[in-house]
Amino acid sequence: MQAGKLNKRVAHYQAVAGKSLNGAPIKLLTRLRFTWTKIEQVGASASDAGERTQAINRYQVTLRHRNGVTVKIDDWLQYKISWLKVVGVDGLIDDGKALVLTCESNPNEPPPEVQ
């Protein structure tokens, strides 16, 4: 990975099971780390959901890989005010120094509550 390619700092969150104040099971997000990434938009689509059209943006995210931290499908990345949901883990590049992910952003679907 060339110096300066990973130029966006994101927070990596993982969904965990929790309970609401009433005791109902819910998903919560727990922050695992901050990491440097490269984010590239690779597509945009629209889906008809009920009465209105929802825009879904797809991104290819390359992030610095560290041993001991696992990125899974349904994890979330936060860049500034944007939330990206991990929908695919594509693999390691540069001798295991970077991990390539496929993420989606849907402004109408907020992430789970942060713990």
Protein backbone atom coordinates (compact mmCIF):
# COMPACT_ATOMS: atom_id res chain seq x y z
CA MET A 1 0.00 0.00 0.00
CA GLN A 2 1.49 3.32 -1.03
CA ALA A 3 1.84 6.01 1.61
CA GLY A 4 -1.08 8.41 1.59
CA LYS A 5 -3.58 6.05 -0.09
CA LEU A 6 -5.34 5.30 3.22
CA ASN A 7 -6.34 8.88 3.94
CA LYS A 8 -9.73 8.67 5.69
CA ARG A 9 -10.05 7.85 9.39
CA VAL A 10 -13.10 5.74 10.25
CA ALA A 11 -14.51 4.17 13.40
CA HIS A 12 -15.15 0.42 13.19
CA TYR A 13 -18.21 -0.82 15.10
CA GLN A 14 -19.43 -4.37 15.67
CA ALA A 15 -23.05 -5.33 16.32
CA VAL A 16 -23.64 -7.14 19.62
CA ALA A 17 -26.77 -8.45 21.28
CA GLY A 18 -28.14 -6.33 24.09
CA LYS A 19 -31.31 -5.56 25.97
CA SER A 20 -33.52 -2.52 25.96
CA LEU A 21 -34.70 -0.85 29.16
CA ASN A 22 -37.79 -3.09 29.03
CA GLY A 23 -35.67 -6.24 28.63
CA ALA A 24 -36.39 -6.83 24.94
CA PRO A 25 -33.46 -8.12 22.86
CA ILE A 26 -31.94 -5.49 20.56
CA LYS A 27 -28.77 -4.97 18.53
CA LEU A 28 -26.23 -2.47 19.83
CA LEU A 29 -23.00 -1.21 18.28
CA THR A 30 -19.71 -1.40 20.16
CA ARG A 31 -16.71 0.55 18.85
CA LEU A 32 -13.69 -1.66 18.29
CA ARG A 33 -11.12 0.76 16.87
CA PHE A 34 -10.26 3.69 14.67
CA THR A 35 -8.43 2.85 11.46
CA TRP A 36 -7.20 4.47 8.24
CA THR A 37 -9.07 3.63 5.05
CA LYS A 38 -9.56 4.41 1.39
CA ILE A 39 -13.22 4.73 0.36
CA GLU A 40 -14.29 4.56 -3.30
CA GLN A 41 -17.87 4.66 -4.54
CA VAL A 42 -18.43 1.81 -6.99
CA GLY A 43 -22.15 2.07 -7.63
CA ALA A 44 -25.50 3.52 -6.77
CA SER A 45 -28.94 2.03 -7.13
CA ALA A 46 -32.50 2.74 -6.18
CA SER A 47 -34.96 0.26 -4.74
CA ASP A 48 -38.69 0.63 -4.45
CA ALA A 49 -39.62 0.10 -0.82
CA GLY A 50 -43.24 0.82 -0.24
CA GLU A 51 -44.28 4.28 -1.31
CA ARG A 52 -40.89 5.88 -1.84
CA THR A 53 -37.65 5.07 -3.59
CA GLN A 54 -34.57 4.45 -1.44
CA ALA A 55 -31.09 5.28 -2.69
CA ILE A 56 -28.44 2.71 -1.85
CA ASN A 57 -24.80 3.62 -2.47
CA ARG A 58 -22.16 0.89 -2.72
CA TYR A 59 -18.53 1.47 -1.75
CA GLN A 60 -15.26 -0.45 -1.91
CA VAL A 61 -13.36 0.19 1.30
CA THR A 62 -9.71 -0.70 1.79
CA LEU A 63 -8.60 -0.57 5.41
CA ARG A 64 -5.43 -1.24 7.32
CA HIS A 65 -5.53 -4.81 8.59
CA ARG A 66 -4.30 -5.72 12.04
CA ASN A 67 -4.10 -9.21 13.47
CA GLY A 68 -6.58 -9.87 16.24
CA VAL A 69 -9.32 -7.59 14.85
CA THR A 70 -11.86 -9.37 12.69
CA VAL A 71 -14.17 -7.54 10.29
CA LYS A 72 -17.44 -9.39 9.70
CA ILE A 73 -20.54 -8.92 7.61
CA ASP A 74 -23.02 -6.64 9.44
CA ASP A 75 -20.22 -4.59 11.03
CA TRP A 76 -20.49 -0.82 10.61
CA LEU A 77 -17.99 1.90 9.67
CA GLN A 78 -18.55 5.56 10.52
CA TYR A 79 -16.84 8.23 8.43
CA LYS A 80 -17.72 11.73 9.64
CA ILE A 81 -21.55 11.61 9.67
CA SER A 82 -21.92 8.75 7.16
CA TRP A 83 -22.57 5.17 8.24
CA LEU A 84 -21.44 2.28 6.01
CA LYS A 85 -22.69 -1.26 6.60
CA VAL A 86 -20.26 -4.07 5.70
CA VAL A 87 -22.01 -6.42 3.27
CA GLY A 88 -18.96 -8.32 2.02
CA VAL A 89 -15.41 -9.12 3.08
CA ASP A 90 -13.50 -9.45 -0.17
CA GLY A 91 -10.02 -10.43 1.04
CA LEU A 92 -6.50 -9.36 1.96
CA ILE A 93 -4.12 -7.47 -0.32
CA ASP A 94 -0.51 -6.25 -0.06
CA ASP A 95 0.75 -9.32 1.78
CA GLY A 96 -1.99 -9.09 4.41
CA LYS A 97 -1.46 -5.42 5.27
CA ALA A 98 -4.83 -4.23 3.91
CA LEU A 99 -8.34 -5.68 3.81
CA VAL A 100 -10.87 -4.95 1.06
CA LEU A 101 -14.56 -4.67 2.01
CA THR A 102 -17.82 -4.02 0.18
CA CYS A 103 -20.06 -1.59 2.07
CA GLU A 104 -23.48 -0.02 1.52
CA SER A 105 -24.92 3.26 2.64
CA ASN A 106 -28.67 3.79 2.89
CA PRO A 107 -29.61 7.17 4.33
CA ASN A 108 -33.12 5.92 5.15
CA GLU A 109 -31.90 2.99 7.28
CA PRO A 110 -30.05 4.15 10.39
CA PRO A 111 -27.53 1.93 12.18
CA PRO A 112 -28.35 0.29 15.51
CA GLU A 113 -27.89 2.31 18.69
CA VAL A 114 -24.31 2.88 19.85
CA GLN A 115 -23.53 1.38 23.25
